[in-house]
C-alpha atoms as a PDB file:
ATOM      1  CA  MET A   1     104.128  10.184-104.809  1.00  0.00           C
ATOM      2  CA  GLN A   2     103.098   7.134-106.818  1.00  0.00           C
ATOM      3  CA  VAL A   3     101.637   7.606-110.311  1.00  0.00           C
ATOM      4  CA  ALA A   4     100.129   5.028-112.671  1.00  0.00           C
ATOM      5  CA  ILE A   5     101.865   4.935-116.024  1.00  0.00           C
ATOM      6  CA  ASP A   6      98.514   4.581-117.822  1.00  0.00           C
ATOM      7  CA  ASP A   7      97.599   8.143-116.782  1.00  0.00           C
ATOM      8  CA  TRP A   8     100.219   9.473-119.214  1.00  0.00           C
ATOM      9  CA  HIS A   9      99.386  13.165-118.838  1.00  0.00           C
ATOM     10  CA  LYS A  10      99.575  13.035-115.034  1.00  0.00           C
ATOM     11  CA  PHE A  11     102.726  10.928-115.213  1.00  0.00           C
ATOM     12  CA  CYS A  12     104.445  13.452-117.527  1.00  0.00           C
ATOM     13  CA  LYS A  13     103.518  16.364-115.254  1.00  0.00           C
ATOM     14  CA  SER A  14     104.958  14.475-112.261  1.00  0.00           C
ATOM     15  CA  PHE A  15     108.116  13.575-114.213  1.00  0.00           C
ATOM     16  CA  GLU A  16     108.625  17.208-115.284  1.00  0.00           C
ATOM     17  CA  SER A  17     107.979  18.457-111.746  1.00  0.00           C
ATOM     18  CA  PHE A  18     110.462  15.960-110.283  1.00  0.00           C
ATOM     19  CA  PHE A  19     113.252  17.174-112.588  1.00  0.00           C
ATOM     20  CA  GLN A  20     112.434  20.913-112.527  1.00  0.00           C
ATOM     21  CA  ASP A  21     115.295  21.789-110.123  1.00  0.00           C
ATOM     22  CA  ILE A  22     117.757  19.293-111.613  1.00  0.00           C
ATOM     23  CA  ASP A  23     120.453  20.399-114.047  1.00  0.00           C
ATOM     24  CA  GLY A  24     119.288  18.933-117.338  1.00  0.00           C
ATOM     25  CA  VAL A  25     116.479  18.882-119.886  1.00  0.00           C
ATOM     26  CA  VAL A  26     113.160  17.024-119.990  1.00  0.00           C
ATOM     27  CA  GLU A  27     111.846  16.160-123.455  1.00  0.00           C
ATOM     28  CA  THR A  28     108.174  15.162-123.652  1.00  0.00           C
ATOM     29  CA  MET A  29     106.969  13.309-126.724  1.00  0.00           C
ATOM     30  CA  GLU A  30     103.718  11.566-127.560  1.00  0.00           C
ATOM     31  CA  LYS A  31     105.081   8.121-126.693  1.00  0.00           C
ATOM     32  CA  ASN A  32     107.938   8.799-124.281  1.00  0.00           C
ATOM     33  CA  ILE A  33     109.467  11.269-121.872  1.00  0.00           C
ATOM     34  CA  THR A  34     113.200  11.637-121.275  1.00  0.00           C
ATOM     35  CA  PHE A  35     115.443  13.431-118.814  1.00  0.00           C
ATOM     36  CA  ARG A  36     118.935  14.165-120.165  1.00  0.00           C
ATOM     37  CA  SER A  37     121.855  15.712-118.305  1.00  0.00           C
ATOM     38  CA  PRO A  38     123.994  18.420-119.940  1.00  0.00           C
ATOM     39  CA  ASN A  39     126.954  17.140-121.969  1.00  0.00           C
ATOM     40  CA  ASN A  40     129.457  18.973-119.760  1.00  0.00           C
ATOM     41  CA  ARG A  41     128.204  17.283-116.565  1.00  0.00           C
ATOM     42  CA  VAL A  42     127.628  13.668-115.536  1.00  0.00           C
ATOM     43  CA  SER A  43     126.366  11.691-118.534  1.00  0.00           C
ATOM     44  CA  THR A  44     122.967  10.248-117.625  1.00  0.00           C
ATOM     45  CA  HIS A  45     119.453   9.967-118.969  1.00  0.00           C
ATOM     46  CA  LEU A  46     116.171   8.278-118.117  1.00  0.00           C
ATOM     47  CA  SER A  47     113.429   7.493-120.645  1.00  0.00           C
ATOM     48  CA  VAL A  48     109.984   6.074-119.947  1.00  0.00           C
ATOM     49  CA  PHE A  49     107.541   5.045-122.675  1.00  0.00           C
ATOM     50  CA  ASN A  50     103.769   5.448-122.429  1.00  0.00           C
ATOM     51  CA  ASN A  51     103.227   1.737-123.065  1.00  0.00           C
ATOM     52  CA  GLY A  52     105.272   0.910-119.961  1.00  0.00           C
ATOM     53  CA  GLU A  53     108.233  -0.236-122.023  1.00  0.00           C
ATOM     54  CA  PHE A  54     111.111  -0.792-119.623  1.00  0.00           C
ATOM     55  CA  SER A  55     109.958  -4.251-118.580  1.00  0.00           C
ATOM     56  CA  LYS A  56     106.289  -3.226-118.475  1.00  0.00           C
ATOM     57  CA  ILE A  57     106.289  -0.486-115.882  1.00  0.00           C
ATOM     58  CA  GLN A  58     102.957  -0.162-114.110  1.00  0.00           C
ATOM     59  CA  GLN A  59     103.676   2.311-111.309  1.00  0.00           C
ATOM     60  CA  VAL A  60     106.265   5.024-110.717  1.00  0.00           C
ATOM     61  CA  VAL A  61     107.244   6.410-107.308  1.00  0.00           C
ATOM     62  CA  PHE A  62     108.771   9.905-107.257  1.00  0.00           C
ATOM     63  CA  THR A  63     110.774  10.713-104.106  1.00  0.00           C
ATOM     64  CA  GLY A  64     111.765  14.344-104.499  1.00  0.00           C
ATOM     65  CA  SER A  65     113.568  14.635-101.180  1.00  0.00           C
ATOM     66  CA  GLU A  66     115.946  11.817-102.147  1.00  0.00           C
ATOM     67  CA  LYS A  67     116.034  12.746-105.850  1.00  0.00           C
ATOM     68  CA  LYS A  68     115.089   9.261-106.979  1.00  0.00           C
ATOM     69  CA  ILE A  69     112.450   7.600-109.157  1.00  0.00           C
ATOM     70  CA  GLN A  70     111.419   3.999-108.595  1.00  0.00           C
ATOM     71  CA  LEU A  71     109.952   2.116-111.592  1.00  0.00           C
ATOM     72  CA  LEU A  72     107.715  -0.794-110.589  1.00  0.00           C
ATOM     73  CA  GLY A  73     106.091  -3.492-112.666  1.00  0.00           C
ATOM     74  CA  GLU A  74     106.002  -7.146-113.460  1.00  0.00           C
ATOM     75  CA  ASN A  75     109.492  -8.493-112.694  1.00  0.00           C
ATOM     76  CA  ILE A  76     110.941  -4.980-112.301  1.00  0.00           C
ATOM     77  CA  ASP A  77     111.871  -2.774-109.375  1.00  0.00           C
ATOM     78  CA  TYR A  78     114.370  -0.242-110.745  1.00  0.00           C
ATOM     79  CA  THR A  79     115.512   2.876-108.930  1.00  0.00           C
ATOM     80  CA  TYR A  80     117.063   5.821-110.785  1.00  0.00           C
ATOM     81  CA  ARG A  81     118.975   8.243-108.561  1.00  0.00           C
ATOM     82  CA  VAL A  82     119.884  11.698-109.828  1.00  0.00           C
ATOM     83  CA  PRO A  83     123.690  12.092-109.578  1.00  0.00           C
ATOM     84  CA  LEU A  84     124.774  14.588-106.907  1.00  0.00           C
ATOM     85  CA  GLU A  85     126.667  16.554-109.566  1.00  0.00           C
ATOM     86  CA  LEU A  86     123.342  17.438-111.236  1.00  0.00           C
ATOM     87  CA  GLN A  87     121.387  18.406-108.133  1.00  0.00           C
ATOM     88  CA  THR A  88     122.635  21.987-108.194  1.00  0.00           C
ATOM     89  CA  SER A  89     122.793  23.966-111.398  1.00  0.00           C
ATOM     90  CA  ASP A  90     125.596  26.415-112.165  1.00  0.00           C
END
């Protein structure tokens, strides 16, 4: 599923949905959204800002089956993969 970053509400819902079965916490703020893993697991986080900050992100592709998010924009093609250790919660 590909979502435009300028539709912030839709993007946040997609971000939250993507991480709903992942061990960690999603924090939604007015200007950014962040996924953070628990301190006792693999240390990882991903933050996206509503202005596209992260090299001006324009599109985001959520691939739930592979547990990855691809951030696309001008001069950027970044893929975040959820660590296997976080894909099942205890």
